[in-house]
Amino acid sequence: TIAMALNEAGWFDRAPIQIYASDASPSAIAKARRGIYRQRSFRSLPADLRAKYFTRVENGWEVTPEIHRQITWATANLMSEADVAPLASAPVIFCRNVFIYFSDDAIRKTLQLFTRYMPTPGYLFVGAAESLLKLTTDFDLQEIGGAFVYVKTAH
């Protein structure tokens, strides 16, 4: 979805953008690398975007090579500094619907790693049900373009 949004906005033609997608589960990464999605994956994707970026195949919908090649997948444990360091050096991180599975201590540890490696300002997007306000002072919640984002600031 992020790659499609960037493509729709013309960003791949304007800037060198790399998308790194990670998950702790090797099977989830293997599935993502295949680039084939079931119908339920399209619940909120407009039909015109599905037609533009996906081709119907026997067992679902396959993402177009144009979008698929924009993404690099890897397994990553967000509790491991060695795994987080290269990923968290990005100026923008989407960590949506991850922290709902973590304890507060695990969230704090992950945020400390993000703080250590993200540039300032750095932009951290989390899921709508995830609040970091009581867990860190290294990120300020801001509204930017109608979206809420945690911004790493120099304290």
N, C-alpha and C. Protein backbone atom coordinates (compact mmCIF):
# COMPACT_ATOMS: atom_id res chain seq x y z
N THR A 1 0.82 -1.19 0.00
CA THR A 1 0.00 0.00 0.00
C THR A 1 0.87 1.25 0.00
N ILE A 2 1.94 1.23 0.77
CA ILE A 2 2.84 2.39 0.81
C ILE A 2 3.47 2.61 -0.56
N ALA A 3 3.93 1.54 -1.20
CA ALA A 3 4.54 1.67 -2.52
C ALA A 3 3.53 2.18 -3.54
N MET A 4 2.29 1.71 -3.47
CA MET A 4 1.26 2.20 -4.39
C MET A 4 1.01 3.69 -4.17
N ALA A 5 0.92 4.11 -2.92
CA ALA A 5 0.67 5.52 -2.62
C ALA A 5 1.82 6.40 -3.11
N LEU A 6 3.05 5.95 -2.90
CA LEU A 6 4.20 6.71 -3.39
C LEU A 6 4.21 6.78 -4.91
N ASN A 7 3.86 5.68 -5.57
CA ASN A 7 3.81 5.67 -7.03
C ASN A 7 2.71 6.60 -7.55
N GLU A 8 1.55 6.54 -6.92
CA GLU A 8 0.44 7.41 -7.33
C GLU A 8 0.81 8.88 -7.21
N ALA A 9 1.60 9.21 -6.20
CA ALA A 9 2.01 10.60 -5.98
C ALA A 9 3.23 10.98 -6.81
N GLY A 10 3.78 10.03 -7.57
CA GLY A 10 4.92 10.32 -8.44
C GLY A 10 6.27 10.36 -7.74
N TRP A 11 6.35 9.88 -6.52
CA TRP A 11 7.59 9.98 -5.77
C TRP A 11 8.71 9.11 -6.31
N PHE A 12 8.41 7.96 -6.86
CA PHE A 12 9.48 7.10 -7.38
C PHE A 12 10.20 7.75 -8.56
N ASP A 13 9.53 8.66 -9.25
CA ASP A 13 10.16 9.38 -10.36
C ASP A 13 10.95 10.60 -9.89
N ARG A 14 10.71 11.03 -8.65
CA ARG A 14 11.32 12.27 -8.16
C ARG A 14 12.45 12.07 -7.17
N ALA A 15 12.50 10.94 -6.51
CA ALA A 15 13.49 10.75 -5.45
C ALA A 15 13.88 9.28 -5.34
N PRO A 16 15.11 9.03 -4.90
CA PRO A 16 15.52 7.63 -4.69
C PRO A 16 14.91 7.11 -3.38
N ILE A 17 13.88 6.33 -3.51
CA ILE A 17 13.15 5.83 -2.34
C ILE A 17 13.35 4.32 -2.24
N GLN A 18 13.68 3.87 -1.05
CA GLN A 18 13.80 2.44 -0.78
C GLN A 18 12.78 2.08 0.29
N ILE A 19 12.05 1.02 0.07
CA ILE A 19 11.09 0.54 1.06
C ILE A 19 11.60 -0.80 1.59
N TYR A 20 11.79 -0.85 2.90
CA TYR A 20 12.19 -2.08 3.57
C TYR A 20 11.02 -2.54 4.41
N ALA A 21 10.56 -3.74 4.16
CA ALA A 21 9.44 -4.31 4.90
C ALA A 21 9.96 -5.46 5.73
N SER A 22 9.54 -5.51 6.99
CA SER A 22 10.05 -6.57 7.85
C SER A 22 8.94 -7.17 8.69
N ASP A 23 9.22 -8.36 9.17
CA ASP A 23 8.33 -9.07 10.07
C ASP A 23 9.20 -10.05 10.84
N ALA A 24 8.78 -10.39 12.04
CA ALA A 24 9.53 -11.38 12.82
C ALA A 24 9.34 -12.79 12.28
N SER A 25 8.29 -12.98 11.50
CA SER A 25 7.93 -14.31 11.01
C SER A 25 8.52 -14.58 9.62
N PRO A 26 9.40 -15.57 9.51
CA PRO A 26 9.93 -15.92 8.19
C PRO A 26 8.83 -16.33 7.20
N SER A 27 7.78 -16.99 7.68
CA SER A 27 6.71 -17.40 6.76
C SER A 27 5.94 -16.19 6.25
N ALA A 28 5.75 -15.17 7.08
CA ALA A 28 5.08 -13.95 6.62
C ALA A 28 5.92 -13.24 5.56
N ILE A 29 7.23 -13.23 5.75
CA ILE A 29 8.13 -12.61 4.77
C ILE A 29 8.12 -13.41 3.46
N ALA A 30 8.14 -14.72 3.56
CA ALA A 30 8.09 -15.56 2.35
C ALA A 30 6.81 -15.31 1.57
N LYS A 31 5.71 -15.18 2.27
CA LYS A 31 4.42 -14.90 1.62
C LYS A 31 4.45 -13.53 0.94
N ALA A 32 4.99 -12.53 1.62
CA ALA A 32 5.07 -11.19 1.04
C ALA A 32 5.97 -11.18 -0.19
N ARG A 33 7.07 -11.90 -0.13
CA ARG A 33 7.98 -11.97 -1.29
C ARG A 33 7.30 -12.55 -2.51
N ARG A 34 6.36 -13.46 -2.31
CA ARG A 34 5.62 -14.04 -3.45
C ARG A 34 4.76 -12.98 -4.12
N GLY A 35 4.27 -12.03 -3.35
CA GLY A 35 3.48 -10.95 -3.92
C GLY A 35 2.09 -11.34 -4.38
N ILE A 36 1.53 -12.39 -3.80
CA ILE A 36 0.18 -12.84 -4.15
C ILE A 36 -0.72 -12.68 -2.94
N TYR A 37 -1.84 -12.02 -3.15
CA TYR A 37 -2.74 -11.67 -2.05
C TYR A 37 -4.13 -12.24 -2.30
N ARG A 38 -4.80 -12.60 -1.23
CA ARG A 38 -6.17 -13.09 -1.32
C ARG A 38 -7.14 -11.92 -1.42
N GLN A 39 -8.35 -12.22 -1.80
CA GLN A 39 -9.39 -11.21 -2.00
C GLN A 39 -9.60 -10.35 -0.75
N ARG A 40 -9.53 -10.95 0.43
CA ARG A 40 -9.79 -10.19 1.66
C ARG A 40 -8.75 -9.09 1.91
N SER A 41 -7.62 -9.17 1.25
CA SER A 41 -6.60 -8.13 1.38
C SER A 41 -7.04 -6.81 0.75
N PHE A 42 -8.10 -6.86 -0.04
CA PHE A 42 -8.52 -5.68 -0.80
C PHE A 42 -9.77 -5.02 -0.23
N ARG A 43 -10.07 -5.28 1.03
CA ARG A 43 -11.29 -4.73 1.64
C ARG A 43 -11.40 -3.22 1.49
N SER A 44 -10.29 -2.51 1.66
CA SER A 44 -10.37 -1.05 1.61
C SER A 44 -9.61 -0.44 0.43
N LEU A 45 -9.19 -1.26 -0.51
CA LEU A 45 -8.49 -0.75 -1.68
C LEU A 45 -9.49 -0.49 -2.80
N PRO A 46 -9.51 0.74 -3.32
CA PRO A 46 -10.43 1.02 -4.43
C PRO A 46 -10.18 0.11 -5.63
N ALA A 47 -11.25 -0.24 -6.32
CA ALA A 47 -11.18 -1.17 -7.45
C ALA A 47 -10.23 -0.69 -8.54
N ASP A 48 -10.16 0.62 -8.77
CA ASP A 48 -9.27 1.12 -9.82
C ASP A 48 -7.80 0.89 -9.47
N LEU A 49 -7.45 0.97 -8.19
CA LEU A 49 -6.07 0.70 -7.79
C LEU A 49 -5.76 -0.80 -7.86
N ARG A 50 -6.73 -1.62 -7.51
CA ARG A 50 -6.52 -3.06 -7.63
C ARG A 50 -6.28 -3.42 -9.10
N ALA A 51 -7.07 -2.84 -10.00
CA ALA A 51 -6.91 -3.12 -11.43
C ALA A 51 -5.57 -2.61 -11.95
N LYS A 52 -5.10 -1.50 -11.42
CA LYS A 52 -3.85 -0.91 -11.88
C LYS A 52 -2.62 -1.67 -11.38
N TYR A 53 -2.67 -2.15 -10.15
CA TYR A 53 -1.48 -2.71 -9.51
C TYR A 53 -1.49 -4.22 -9.29
N PHE A 54 -2.56 -4.89 -9.68
CA PHE A 54 -2.64 -6.33 -9.44
C PHE A 54 -3.20 -7.05 -10.66
N THR A 55 -2.77 -8.28 -10.84
CA THR A 55 -3.25 -9.14 -11.90
C THR A 55 -3.87 -10.38 -11.26
N ARG A 56 -5.02 -10.78 -11.77
CA ARG A 56 -5.70 -11.97 -11.24
C ARG A 56 -4.89 -13.20 -11.61
N VAL A 57 -4.59 -14.03 -10.62
CA VAL A 57 -3.92 -15.30 -10.84
C VAL A 57 -4.75 -16.39 -10.18
N GLU A 58 -4.35 -17.64 -10.39
CA GLU A 58 -5.15 -18.78 -9.92
C GLU A 58 -5.49 -18.72 -8.44
N ASN A 59 -4.54 -18.37 -7.60
CA ASN A 59 -4.78 -18.40 -6.17
C ASN A 59 -4.85 -17.02 -5.52
N GLY A 60 -5.24 -16.01 -6.29
CA GLY A 60 -5.39 -14.67 -5.71
C GLY A 60 -5.08 -13.57 -6.70
N TRP A 61 -4.42 -12.55 -6.20
CA TRP A 61 -4.05 -11.38 -6.99
C TRP A 61 -2.56 -11.15 -6.83
N GLU A 62 -1.86 -11.00 -7.95
CA GLU A 62 -0.42 -10.80 -7.91
C GLU A 62 -0.10 -9.33 -8.16
N VAL A 63 0.75 -8.78 -7.30
CA VAL A 63 1.14 -7.38 -7.43
C VAL A 63 2.03 -7.22 -8.66
N THR A 64 1.93 -6.09 -9.32
CA THR A 64 2.72 -5.84 -10.53
C THR A 64 4.21 -5.75 -10.19
N PRO A 65 5.06 -6.16 -11.13
CA PRO A 65 6.50 -6.06 -10.89
C PRO A 65 6.94 -4.62 -10.60
N GLU A 66 6.27 -3.65 -11.21
CA GLU A 66 6.60 -2.24 -10.99
C GLU A 66 6.57 -1.88 -9.51
N ILE A 67 5.61 -2.39 -8.79
CA ILE A 67 5.50 -2.12 -7.35
C ILE A 67 6.34 -3.11 -6.55
N HIS A 68 6.30 -4.36 -6.94
CA HIS A 68 6.99 -5.42 -6.19
C HIS A 68 8.49 -5.14 -6.08
N ARG A 69 9.10 -4.63 -7.13
CA ARG A 69 10.55 -4.41 -7.11
C ARG A 69 10.96 -3.22 -6.24
N GLN A 70 10.00 -2.42 -5.80
CA GLN A 70 10.31 -1.27 -4.95
C GLN A 70 10.54 -1.66 -3.49
N ILE A 71 10.28 -2.92 -3.16
CA ILE A 71 10.27 -3.35 -1.77
C ILE A 71 11.31 -4.45 -1.54
N THR A 72 12.03 -4.32 -0.44
CA THR A 72 12.96 -5.34 0.02
C THR A 72 12.42 -5.90 1.32
N TRP A 73 12.32 -7.22 1.40
CA TRP A 73 11.76 -7.86 2.59
C TRP A 73 12.85 -8.54 3.40
N ALA A 74 12.68 -8.51 4.73
CA ALA A 74 13.63 -9.19 5.61
C ALA A 74 12.94 -9.52 6.93
N THR A 75 13.39 -10.59 7.54
CA THR A 75 12.91 -10.86 8.89
C THR A 75 13.65 -9.93 9.84
N ALA A 76 12.96 -9.47 10.85
CA ALA A 76 13.58 -8.58 11.83
C ALA A 76 12.88 -8.74 13.17
N ASN A 77 13.69 -8.82 14.20
CA ASN A 77 13.19 -8.86 15.57
C ASN A 77 13.37 -7.46 16.14
N LEU A 78 12.29 -6.79 16.47
CA LEU A 78 12.36 -5.42 16.96
C LEU A 78 12.99 -5.30 18.34
N MET A 79 13.30 -6.42 18.96
CA MET A 79 14.02 -6.42 20.24
C MET A 79 15.53 -6.53 20.02
N SER A 80 15.94 -6.73 18.78
CA SER A 80 17.35 -6.93 18.45
C SER A 80 17.94 -5.66 17.83
N GLU A 81 18.94 -5.09 18.49
CA GLU A 81 19.57 -3.90 17.96
C GLU A 81 20.19 -4.16 16.59
N ALA A 82 20.77 -5.33 16.41
CA ALA A 82 21.38 -5.66 15.12
C ALA A 82 20.35 -5.67 14.00
N ASP A 83 19.13 -6.11 14.29
CA ASP A 83 18.06 -6.12 13.29
C ASP A 83 17.48 -4.73 13.07
N VAL A 84 17.33 -3.98 14.15
CA VAL A 84 16.66 -2.68 14.08
C VAL A 84 17.55 -1.59 13.49
N ALA A 85 18.83 -1.59 13.82
CA ALA A 85 19.72 -0.49 13.42
C ALA A 85 19.65 -0.14 11.94
N PRO A 86 19.80 -1.09 11.02
CA PRO A 86 19.76 -0.69 9.61
C PRO A 86 18.38 -0.23 9.14
N LEU A 87 17.33 -0.74 9.75
CA LEU A 87 15.97 -0.35 9.36
C LEU A 87 15.58 0.99 9.96
N ALA A 88 15.99 1.23 11.19
CA ALA A 88 15.57 2.45 11.89
C ALA A 88 16.36 3.68 11.48
N SER A 89 17.34 3.52 10.62
CA SER A 89 18.07 4.69 10.14
C SER A 89 17.28 5.46 9.08
N ALA A 90 16.10 4.98 8.77
CA ALA A 90 15.24 5.64 7.77
C ALA A 90 14.58 6.87 8.39
N PRO A 91 14.30 7.88 7.59
CA PRO A 91 13.62 9.07 8.11
C PRO A 91 12.14 8.85 8.38
N VAL A 92 11.56 7.80 7.79
CA VAL A 92 10.14 7.49 7.99
C VAL A 92 10.03 6.00 8.30
N ILE A 93 9.31 5.69 9.37
CA ILE A 93 9.06 4.30 9.75
C ILE A 93 7.56 4.11 9.94
N PHE A 94 7.04 3.09 9.29
CA PHE A 94 5.65 2.66 9.52
C PHE A 94 5.73 1.41 10.38
N CYS A 95 5.23 1.50 11.58
CA CYS A 95 5.24 0.38 12.52
C CYS A 95 3.79 0.20 12.99
N ARG A 96 2.94 -0.07 12.05
CA ARG A 96 1.50 -0.07 12.31
C ARG A 96 1.01 -1.42 12.80
N ASN A 97 0.22 -1.35 13.87
CA ASN A 97 -0.40 -2.55 14.45
C ASN A 97 0.64 -3.59 14.86
N VAL A 98 1.76 -3.12 15.36
CA VAL A 98 2.80 -3.98 15.90
C VAL A 98 2.81 -3.88 17.42
N PHE A 99 2.79 -2.66 17.92
CA PHE A 99 2.91 -2.45 19.37
C PHE A 99 1.73 -3.00 20.16
N ILE A 100 0.61 -3.25 19.51
CA ILE A 100 -0.53 -3.82 20.24
C ILE A 100 -0.20 -5.22 20.76
N TYR A 101 0.83 -5.84 20.21
CA TYR A 101 1.24 -7.18 20.65
C TYR A 101 2.39 -7.14 21.66
N PHE A 102 2.92 -5.94 21.95
CA PHE A 102 4.10 -5.80 22.80
C PHE A 102 3.70 -5.35 24.20
N SER A 103 4.52 -5.72 25.18
CA SER A 103 4.38 -5.16 26.52
C SER A 103 4.91 -3.73 26.49
N ASP A 104 4.58 -2.94 27.51
CA ASP A 104 5.09 -1.57 27.57
C ASP A 104 6.62 -1.56 27.57
N ASP A 105 7.25 -2.49 28.29
CA ASP A 105 8.71 -2.54 28.32
C ASP A 105 9.29 -2.84 26.94
N ALA A 106 8.66 -3.74 26.20
CA ALA A 106 9.13 -4.06 24.85
C ALA A 106 8.95 -2.86 23.91
N ILE A 107 7.85 -2.14 24.07
CA ILE A 107 7.64 -0.93 23.26
C ILE A 107 8.73 0.09 23.57
N ARG A 108 8.99 0.31 24.86
CA ARG A 108 10.03 1.27 25.26
C ARG A 108 11.39 0.90 24.67
N LYS A 109 11.72 -0.38 24.72
CA LYS A 109 13.01 -0.83 24.18
C LYS A 109 13.08 -0.57 22.68
N THR A 110 12.02 -0.88 21.97
CA THR A 110 11.99 -0.64 20.52
C THR A 110 12.09 0.85 20.23
N LEU A 111 11.37 1.67 20.98
CA LEU A 111 11.42 3.12 20.78
C LEU A 111 12.81 3.67 21.08
N GLN A 112 13.49 3.12 22.08
CA GLN A 112 14.86 3.55 22.36
C GLN A 112 15.77 3.26 21.17
N LEU A 113 15.58 2.11 20.55
CA LEU A 113 16.37 1.78 19.37
C LEU A 113 16.03 2.70 18.20
N PHE A 114 14.75 2.96 18.00
CA PHE A 114 14.35 3.90 16.94
C PHE A 114 14.99 5.26 17.20
N THR A 115 14.92 5.72 18.45
CA THR A 115 15.48 7.02 18.81
C THR A 115 16.98 7.07 18.53
N ARG A 116 17.67 5.99 18.84
CA ARG A 116 19.12 5.94 18.65
C ARG A 116 19.50 6.04 17.18
N TYR A 117 18.72 5.43 16.29
CA TYR A 117 19.14 5.31 14.90
C TYR A 117 18.40 6.21 13.91
N MET A 118 17.21 6.68 14.25
CA MET A 118 16.47 7.55 13.32
C MET A 118 17.11 8.92 13.25
N PRO A 119 17.10 9.53 12.08
CA PRO A 119 17.55 10.92 11.99
C PRO A 119 16.52 11.84 12.66
N THR A 120 16.94 13.06 12.92
CA THR A 120 16.03 14.08 13.47
C THR A 120 15.82 15.13 12.40
N PRO A 121 14.60 15.45 12.03
CA PRO A 121 13.37 14.82 12.50
C PRO A 121 13.18 13.46 11.84
N GLY A 122 12.57 12.56 12.56
CA GLY A 122 12.18 11.26 12.03
C GLY A 122 10.69 11.10 12.24
N TYR A 123 10.04 10.40 11.36
CA TYR A 123 8.58 10.29 11.39
C TYR A 123 8.18 8.83 11.61
N LEU A 124 7.43 8.58 12.68
CA LEU A 124 7.02 7.24 13.06
C LEU A 124 5.50 7.15 13.02
N PHE A 125 5.01 6.30 12.14
CA PHE A 125 3.58 6.06 12.02
C PHE A 125 3.25 4.76 12.73
N VAL A 126 2.26 4.80 13.61
CA VAL A 126 1.79 3.60 14.31
C VAL A 126 0.30 3.45 14.03
N GLY A 127 -0.27 2.34 14.46
CA GLY A 127 -1.69 2.09 14.24
C GLY A 127 -2.56 3.03 15.06
N ALA A 128 -3.79 3.20 14.62
CA ALA A 128 -4.72 4.13 15.28
C ALA A 128 -4.96 3.76 16.74
N ALA A 129 -4.86 2.49 17.07
CA ALA A 129 -5.11 2.04 18.45
C ALA A 129 -3.85 2.07 19.31
N GLU A 130 -2.75 2.55 18.76
CA GLU A 130 -1.48 2.53 19.48
C GLU A 130 -1.07 3.94 19.88
N SER A 131 -0.95 4.17 21.17
CA SER A 131 -0.51 5.46 21.68
C SER A 131 0.84 5.30 22.35
N LEU A 132 1.73 6.22 22.05
CA LEU A 132 3.06 6.20 22.64
C LEU A 132 3.24 7.31 23.66
N LEU A 133 2.21 8.09 23.89
CA LEU A 133 2.32 9.30 24.71
C LEU A 133 2.82 9.03 26.13
N LYS A 134 2.45 7.92 26.73
CA LYS A 134 2.88 7.61 28.10
C LYS A 134 4.17 6.80 28.14
N LEU A 135 4.73 6.50 26.97
CA LEU A 135 5.87 5.59 26.92
C LEU A 135 7.19 6.24 26.53
N THR A 136 7.13 7.43 25.94
CA THR A 136 8.36 8.08 25.49
C THR A 136 8.17 9.58 25.41
N THR A 137 9.26 10.30 25.62
CA THR A 137 9.25 11.75 25.38
C THR A 137 10.14 12.09 24.18
N ASP A 138 10.66 11.07 23.52
CA ASP A 138 11.54 11.29 22.37
C ASP A 138 10.79 11.56 21.08
N PHE A 139 9.49 11.31 21.10
CA PHE A 139 8.64 11.54 19.92
C PHE A 139 7.46 12.41 20.33
N ASP A 140 7.20 13.44 19.55
CA ASP A 140 6.04 14.30 19.79
C ASP A 140 4.95 13.94 18.80
N LEU A 141 3.72 13.82 19.28
CA LEU A 141 2.59 13.55 18.40
C LEU A 141 2.20 14.83 17.69
N GLN A 142 2.17 14.79 16.36
CA GLN A 142 1.81 15.95 15.55
C GLN A 142 0.80 15.53 14.50
N GLU A 143 0.00 16.50 14.08
CA GLU A 143 -0.90 16.27 12.95
C GLU A 143 -0.26 16.90 11.73
N ILE A 144 -0.03 16.09 10.72
CA ILE A 144 0.59 16.57 9.49
C ILE A 144 -0.27 16.11 8.33
N GLY A 145 -0.81 17.03 7.58
CA GLY A 145 -1.63 16.70 6.42
C GLY A 145 -2.83 15.84 6.75
N GLY A 146 -3.40 16.04 7.92
CA GLY A 146 -4.58 15.29 8.32
C GLY A 146 -4.29 13.92 8.92
N ALA A 147 -3.01 13.58 9.07
CA ALA A 147 -2.63 12.31 9.69
C ALA A 147 -1.84 12.58 10.96
N PHE A 148 -1.99 11.71 11.93
CA PHE A 148 -1.22 11.83 13.16
C PHE A 148 0.05 11.01 13.02
N VAL A 149 1.16 11.63 13.41
CA VAL A 149 2.47 11.00 13.29
C VAL A 149 3.31 11.40 14.51
N TYR A 150 4.12 10.46 14.96
CA TYR A 150 5.07 10.76 16.02
C TYR A 150 6.35 11.25 15.36
N VAL A 151 6.82 12.42 15.80
CA VAL A 151 7.99 13.03 15.21
C VAL A 151 9.13 13.00 16.22
N LYS A 152 10.24 12.41 15.81
CA LYS A 152 11.42 12.40 16.68
C LYS A 152 12.00 13.80 16.67
N THR A 153 12.16 14.33 17.84
CA THR A 153 12.69 15.69 17.97
C THR A 153 13.97 15.66 18.78
N ALA A 154 14.76 16.69 18.63
CA ALA A 154 15.98 16.82 19.43
C ALA A 154 15.59 17.37 20.79
N HIS A 155 15.78 16.58 21.83
CA HIS A 155 15.45 17.04 23.19
C HIS A 155 16.71 17.45 23.90
